[in-house]
N, C-alpha and C. Protein backbone atom coordinates (compact mmCIF):
# COMPACT_ATOMS: atom_id res chain seq x y z
N MET A 1 146.76 -171.90 -90.55
CA MET A 1 148.05 -171.94 -90.63
C MET A 1 148.78 -172.80 -89.17
N PRO A 2 148.66 -174.43 -89.56
CA PRO A 2 149.20 -175.10 -88.48
C PRO A 2 150.14 -174.94 -88.06
N LEU A 3 150.28 -174.72 -86.48
CA LEU A 3 151.30 -174.69 -85.57
C LEU A 3 152.62 -175.78 -85.48
N PRO A 4 153.50 -175.53 -85.13
CA PRO A 4 154.42 -176.63 -84.79
C PRO A 4 154.66 -177.17 -83.60
N ASP A 5 155.11 -178.46 -84.07
CA ASP A 5 154.54 -179.14 -82.86
C ASP A 5 155.71 -178.77 -81.76
N SER A 6 156.74 -177.62 -82.03
CA SER A 6 157.04 -177.54 -80.57
C SER A 6 157.07 -176.16 -79.89
N ILE A 7 155.71 -175.41 -80.81
CA ILE A 7 155.25 -174.43 -80.31
C ILE A 7 154.05 -174.70 -79.25
N LEU A 8 153.28 -176.25 -79.29
CA LEU A 8 151.95 -177.22 -79.47
C LEU A 8 152.46 -177.47 -77.57
N ASP A 9 153.72 -177.70 -77.89
CA ASP A 9 154.97 -178.32 -76.44
C ASP A 9 154.58 -177.09 -75.14
N GLU A 10 155.28 -176.09 -75.93
CA GLU A 10 154.92 -174.92 -75.70
C GLU A 10 153.78 -174.77 -74.15
N VAL A 11 152.56 -174.21 -75.63
CA VAL A 11 151.24 -174.28 -75.63
C VAL A 11 151.01 -175.49 -73.89
N ASN A 12 151.02 -176.31 -74.08
CA ASN A 12 150.70 -178.08 -72.83
C ASN A 12 151.39 -177.21 -71.71
N ASN A 13 152.60 -177.09 -71.97
CA ASN A 13 153.45 -176.71 -70.19
C ASN A 13 153.08 -175.05 -70.17
N GLU A 14 152.39 -174.00 -70.70
CA GLU A 14 152.20 -173.33 -70.07
C GLU A 14 150.36 -173.55 -69.59
N LEU A 15 149.99 -174.51 -70.16
CA LEU A 15 148.15 -174.74 -70.04
C LEU A 15 148.44 -174.94 -68.27
N ILE A 16 149.75 -176.59 -68.12
CA ILE A 16 149.83 -177.00 -67.15
C ILE A 16 149.88 -176.48 -66.10
N THR A 17 150.83 -175.40 -66.44
CA THR A 17 151.49 -174.57 -65.53
C THR A 17 150.96 -172.97 -65.16
N ASP A 18 150.54 -172.05 -66.22
CA ASP A 18 149.70 -171.13 -65.32
C ASP A 18 147.58 -171.15 -66.31
N ARG A 19 148.09 -172.59 -66.51
CA ARG A 19 145.94 -172.75 -66.78
C ARG A 19 145.53 -171.71 -67.63
N PHE A 20 146.43 -171.27 -68.86
CA PHE A 20 146.88 -169.96 -69.73
C PHE A 20 147.17 -169.79 -70.53
N ALA A 21 147.24 -169.73 -71.65
CA ALA A 21 148.63 -169.27 -73.15
C ALA A 21 147.83 -168.10 -73.94
N MET A 22 148.99 -167.95 -74.03
CA MET A 22 148.94 -166.72 -75.29
C MET A 22 149.57 -167.07 -75.85
N ILE A 23 148.73 -166.89 -76.89
CA ILE A 23 150.00 -167.23 -78.70
C ILE A 23 149.87 -166.12 -79.67
N GLU A 24 151.28 -165.34 -79.26
CA GLU A 24 150.89 -164.04 -79.93
C GLU A 24 150.96 -164.46 -81.95
N GLY A 25 150.07 -163.90 -82.76
CA GLY A 25 149.43 -164.51 -84.44
C GLY A 25 149.01 -165.29 -84.86
N LEU A 26 148.37 -165.88 -83.44
CA LEU A 26 147.19 -167.35 -83.90
C LEU A 26 146.37 -166.95 -84.07
N ILE A 27 145.60 -166.23 -84.36
CA ILE A 27 144.71 -165.85 -85.41
C ILE A 27 145.02 -164.84 -86.54
N ALA A 28 144.71 -164.95 -87.89
CA ALA A 28 145.30 -163.95 -88.55
C ALA A 28 144.31 -162.46 -88.51
N PRO A 29 144.39 -161.47 -88.81
CA PRO A 29 143.71 -160.01 -88.97
C PRO A 29 141.88 -160.45 -89.97
N SER A 30 142.81 -161.23 -90.69
CA SER A 30 141.99 -161.64 -91.84
C SER A 30 140.02 -162.48 -91.02
N GLU A 31 141.28 -163.57 -90.22
CA GLU A 31 139.96 -164.39 -89.56
C GLU A 31 139.41 -163.46 -88.36
N VAL A 32 140.27 -162.76 -88.15
CA VAL A 32 139.33 -161.64 -87.18
C VAL A 32 138.29 -161.13 -87.59
N ALA A 33 138.72 -160.20 -88.95
CA ALA A 33 137.25 -159.18 -89.59
C ALA A 33 136.09 -160.13 -89.61
N HIS A 34 136.72 -161.37 -90.02
CA HIS A 34 135.29 -162.34 -90.56
C HIS A 34 134.90 -162.68 -89.33
N PHE A 35 135.51 -162.21 -88.21
CA PHE A 35 134.87 -162.94 -87.21
C PHE A 35 134.03 -161.66 -86.62
N SER A 36 134.84 -160.90 -86.84
CA SER A 36 133.15 -159.24 -86.65
C SER A 36 132.55 -158.85 -87.67
N ARG A 37 132.48 -159.21 -88.96
CA ARG A 37 131.49 -158.83 -89.26
C ARG A 37 130.25 -159.77 -89.36
N LEU A 38 130.84 -161.16 -88.89
CA LEU A 38 129.69 -161.49 -88.85
C LEU A 38 128.88 -161.28 -87.64
N ALA A 39 129.89 -160.93 -86.22
CA ALA A 39 129.24 -160.03 -85.30
C ALA A 39 128.31 -159.42 -85.20
N ASP A 40 128.75 -158.52 -86.42
CA ASP A 40 128.18 -157.20 -86.20
C ASP A 40 126.57 -157.81 -87.10
N ALA A 41 126.66 -158.43 -88.16
CA ALA A 41 125.78 -158.84 -88.59
C ALA A 41 124.36 -159.27 -87.79
N ILE A 42 124.77 -159.45 -86.29
CA ILE A 42 123.98 -160.28 -85.53
C ILE A 42 122.39 -158.70 -85.77
N GLU A 43 121.26 -160.13 -85.47
CA GLU A 43 120.88 -158.12 -85.08
C GLU A 43 120.50 -157.68 -83.64
N THR A 44 120.53 -157.02 -84.25
CA THR A 44 120.79 -155.98 -82.56
C THR A 44 119.80 -155.44 -81.40
N PRO A 45 119.96 -156.21 -80.10
CA PRO A 45 119.08 -156.64 -79.44
C PRO A 45 118.58 -154.74 -79.27
N GLU A 46 117.70 -153.89 -79.17
CA GLU A 46 117.20 -152.93 -77.81
C GLU A 46 117.68 -152.64 -78.06
N TRP A 47 118.25 -153.08 -76.68
CA TRP A 47 119.23 -152.43 -75.65
C TRP A 47 120.49 -152.21 -75.83
N ARG A 48 120.65 -152.06 -76.87
CA ARG A 48 122.58 -151.85 -77.55
C ARG A 48 122.13 -150.50 -77.74
N THR A 49 120.66 -150.01 -78.17
CA THR A 49 120.89 -148.85 -78.48
C THR A 49 120.54 -147.78 -77.40
N LEU A 50 120.10 -147.71 -76.20
CA LEU A 50 119.44 -147.59 -75.83
C LEU A 50 120.37 -146.30 -73.97
N PRO A 51 120.20 -145.03 -74.42
CA PRO A 51 120.64 -144.41 -73.29
C PRO A 51 120.61 -144.68 -72.20
N GLY A 52 122.23 -145.00 -71.46
CA GLY A 52 122.34 -145.57 -69.86
C GLY A 52 122.09 -145.85 -69.65
N ARG A 53 122.26 -147.23 -70.84
CA ARG A 53 122.16 -148.84 -70.80
C ARG A 53 123.36 -149.38 -70.12
N THR A 54 122.73 -150.35 -69.55
CA THR A 54 123.57 -151.34 -67.91
C THR A 54 124.07 -152.90 -68.54
N GLN A 55 123.56 -153.09 -69.60
CA GLN A 55 123.71 -154.61 -70.02
C GLN A 55 124.87 -154.65 -71.12
N PHE A 56 125.50 -154.90 -71.80
CA PHE A 56 127.13 -154.65 -72.17
C PHE A 56 127.27 -156.45 -72.56
N ALA A 57 126.27 -157.28 -73.11
CA ALA A 57 126.46 -158.53 -73.80
C ALA A 57 125.59 -159.63 -73.87
N VAL A 58 125.53 -160.38 -75.23
CA VAL A 58 124.57 -161.27 -75.12
C VAL A 58 125.39 -162.36 -75.10
N ARG A 59 124.14 -163.50 -74.61
CA ARG A 59 124.63 -164.45 -74.06
C ARG A 59 123.94 -165.98 -75.06
N ASP A 60 124.67 -167.01 -75.55
CA ASP A 60 124.33 -167.75 -76.72
C ASP A 60 124.44 -167.51 -78.28
N VAL A 61 125.13 -166.49 -78.09
CA VAL A 61 125.25 -166.15 -79.56
C VAL A 61 125.87 -167.01 -80.79
N GLN A 62 125.78 -167.80 -80.15
CA GLN A 62 125.97 -169.15 -81.59
C GLN A 62 124.48 -169.32 -81.27
N LEU A 63 123.72 -169.27 -81.17
CA LEU A 63 121.74 -169.51 -81.85
C LEU A 63 121.68 -168.58 -82.57
N ARG A 64 122.42 -167.39 -82.63
CA ARG A 64 121.71 -165.95 -82.62
C ARG A 64 122.82 -166.00 -84.24
N SER A 65 123.75 -166.96 -84.66
CA SER A 65 124.31 -166.67 -86.00
C SER A 65 125.00 -168.07 -85.46
N PRO A 66 124.13 -168.72 -86.82
CA PRO A 66 125.41 -170.20 -86.94
C PRO A 66 125.71 -169.73 -87.96
N GLU A 67 125.93 -168.47 -88.76
CA GLU A 67 127.37 -168.49 -90.11
C GLU A 67 128.68 -168.10 -88.32
N LEU A 68 128.80 -167.23 -87.89
CA LEU A 68 129.66 -167.48 -86.37
C LEU A 68 129.76 -168.50 -86.18
N ALA A 69 129.05 -168.61 -85.13
CA ALA A 69 129.55 -170.45 -84.78
C ALA A 69 129.99 -171.47 -85.96
N MET A 70 130.20 -171.32 -87.30
CA MET A 70 130.58 -172.80 -88.02
C MET A 70 132.13 -171.96 -87.90
N ALA A 71 131.71 -170.84 -87.53
CA ALA A 71 133.20 -169.98 -88.28
C ALA A 71 134.25 -169.79 -87.62
N VAL A 72 133.80 -169.79 -86.47
CA VAL A 72 135.02 -170.25 -85.15
C VAL A 72 135.08 -171.93 -85.36
N GLY A 73 134.63 -173.21 -85.31
CA GLY A 73 133.99 -174.37 -85.47
C GLY A 73 135.28 -174.66 -86.02
N ASP A 74 135.47 -174.27 -87.79
CA ASP A 74 136.03 -174.26 -88.34
C ASP A 74 137.79 -173.34 -88.58
N SER A 75 137.58 -172.99 -87.13
CA SER A 75 139.02 -171.75 -86.92
C SER A 75 140.51 -172.37 -86.56
N SER A 76 141.75 -171.33 -86.82
CA SER A 76 142.80 -171.89 -86.22
C SER A 76 142.59 -172.13 -84.51
N LEU A 77 141.90 -171.36 -84.02
CA LEU A 77 141.92 -171.48 -82.81
C LEU A 77 140.91 -173.27 -81.89
N MET A 78 139.98 -173.36 -82.67
CA MET A 78 139.75 -174.79 -82.42
C MET A 78 140.66 -175.32 -82.97
N ASP A 79 140.61 -175.22 -84.24
CA ASP A 79 142.13 -175.88 -84.25
C ASP A 79 142.87 -176.56 -83.73
N LEU A 80 143.91 -175.77 -82.67
CA LEU A 80 145.12 -175.96 -82.05
C LEU A 80 144.20 -176.00 -80.47
N ALA A 81 142.58 -175.85 -80.12
CA ALA A 81 141.96 -176.97 -79.04
C ALA A 81 142.09 -178.00 -79.21
N ARG A 82 141.98 -178.43 -80.51
CA ARG A 82 141.31 -180.21 -81.26
C ARG A 82 142.73 -180.89 -81.11
N ARG A 83 143.64 -179.82 -81.66
CA ARG A 83 145.06 -180.95 -80.63
C ARG A 83 145.76 -181.16 -80.52
N ILE A 84 145.47 -179.95 -79.09
CA ILE A 84 145.55 -180.18 -77.60
C ILE A 84 145.10 -181.31 -77.17
N LEU A 85 143.37 -181.29 -76.94
CA LEU A 85 142.21 -181.79 -76.18
C LEU A 85 141.77 -182.89 -76.89
N GLY A 86 141.76 -182.78 -78.07
CA GLY A 86 141.21 -184.71 -79.22
C GLY A 86 140.20 -183.72 -79.85
N PRO A 87 139.81 -184.92 -81.25
CA PRO A 87 139.13 -183.72 -81.74
C PRO A 87 137.38 -183.59 -81.67
N ARG A 88 137.07 -184.42 -80.20
CA ARG A 88 135.66 -184.29 -80.39
C ARG A 88 135.35 -182.90 -79.88
N VAL A 89 136.74 -181.86 -79.40
CA VAL A 89 136.18 -180.85 -78.89
C VAL A 89 135.55 -179.82 -79.48
N GLN A 90 134.73 -179.08 -79.17
CA GLN A 90 133.92 -178.00 -79.58
C GLN A 90 133.55 -176.87 -78.85
N PRO A 91 132.78 -175.94 -80.11
CA PRO A 91 132.32 -174.77 -78.94
C PRO A 91 130.83 -174.80 -78.53
N VAL A 92 130.83 -174.49 -77.13
CA VAL A 92 129.66 -174.92 -77.00
C VAL A 92 128.88 -173.15 -76.42
N GLY A 93 129.59 -172.69 -76.01
CA GLY A 93 128.22 -171.57 -76.46
C GLY A 93 129.45 -170.13 -76.91
N ALA A 94 128.91 -169.00 -76.83
CA ALA A 94 129.11 -168.26 -77.53
C ALA A 94 128.63 -166.33 -76.60
N ILE A 95 129.35 -165.37 -75.94
CA ILE A 95 129.55 -164.41 -75.41
C ILE A 95 128.90 -163.16 -76.29
N LEU A 96 128.93 -162.31 -76.74
CA LEU A 96 129.48 -161.48 -77.54
C LEU A 96 129.17 -159.92 -76.66
N PHE A 97 130.39 -159.87 -76.44
CA PHE A 97 130.33 -158.46 -75.36
C PHE A 97 130.77 -156.78 -76.01
N ASP A 98 130.16 -155.62 -75.61
CA ASP A 98 129.24 -154.47 -76.75
C ASP A 98 129.96 -153.48 -75.14
N LYS A 99 131.26 -153.24 -74.84
CA LYS A 99 131.37 -152.62 -73.67
C LYS A 99 132.17 -151.81 -74.33
N PRO A 100 131.21 -149.72 -74.06
CA PRO A 100 131.98 -149.10 -74.77
C PRO A 100 132.70 -148.95 -73.75
N ILE A 101 133.73 -147.97 -73.62
CA ILE A 101 135.02 -147.77 -72.97
C ILE A 101 135.20 -146.95 -71.81
N GLY A 102 133.39 -146.33 -71.36
CA GLY A 102 133.05 -145.96 -69.86
C GLY A 102 132.13 -146.99 -69.58
N ALA A 103 132.31 -148.20 -69.88
CA ALA A 103 131.45 -148.72 -69.61
C ALA A 103 132.34 -150.28 -68.49
N ASN A 104 134.05 -149.80 -68.99
CA ASN A 104 134.80 -151.20 -68.51
C ASN A 104 134.24 -151.56 -67.24
N TRP A 105 135.09 -152.69 -66.97
CA TRP A 105 135.23 -153.78 -65.65
C TRP A 105 136.45 -154.71 -65.60
N LYS A 106 136.79 -154.91 -64.15
CA LYS A 106 137.64 -156.01 -63.90
C LYS A 106 136.72 -157.27 -64.15
N VAL A 107 137.48 -158.59 -64.89
CA VAL A 107 137.28 -159.51 -64.45
C VAL A 107 138.25 -160.29 -63.98
N PRO A 108 137.72 -161.10 -62.91
CA PRO A 108 138.91 -161.80 -62.45
C PRO A 108 139.50 -162.65 -63.32
N PRO A 109 140.47 -163.86 -62.51
CA PRO A 109 140.79 -164.57 -63.52
C PRO A 109 139.30 -165.96 -63.16
N HIS A 110 138.63 -166.22 -63.72
CA HIS A 110 137.89 -167.48 -63.26
C HIS A 110 138.03 -168.79 -64.06
N GLN A 111 137.31 -169.46 -64.76
CA GLN A 111 137.05 -170.70 -65.49
C GLN A 111 135.29 -171.07 -65.75
N VAL A 112 134.87 -170.46 -66.33
CA VAL A 112 133.76 -170.92 -67.91
C VAL A 112 133.69 -172.86 -67.84
N CYS A 113 132.49 -173.10 -66.79
CA CYS A 113 132.43 -174.48 -67.51
C CYS A 113 130.95 -175.13 -67.52
N SER A 114 130.94 -176.11 -68.77
CA SER A 114 130.10 -176.40 -69.42
C SER A 114 129.38 -177.71 -69.01
N SER A 115 128.59 -178.25 -69.45
CA SER A 115 128.15 -179.67 -69.17
C SER A 115 127.25 -180.50 -70.44
N GLN A 116 127.52 -179.16 -71.73
CA GLN A 116 127.23 -179.92 -72.87
C GLN A 116 127.73 -180.62 -73.26
């Protein structure tokens, strides 16, 4: 669903002032469900089944699931990123978090940078 220019202007302003923007309804429930199915199909690392585990994330998911990488690259989120940042924007990395309720932790605001 293409976003109207007025929403893009609002997002640009929020990014400039707050360094983030929240857009309700940007990703359709069907798109979220598709991403979830693809993430669930990623080969389960053995640590996900260990009792008392302490690892809750897998880096470089895009390398484990080219289908998920392709779906994200064609998503409404990437469409928005390209409209704001330019046509050469592309995802360069992905992390899959699998955090059970009892293993939650606070993540302070931060920026992940990539030189790829």
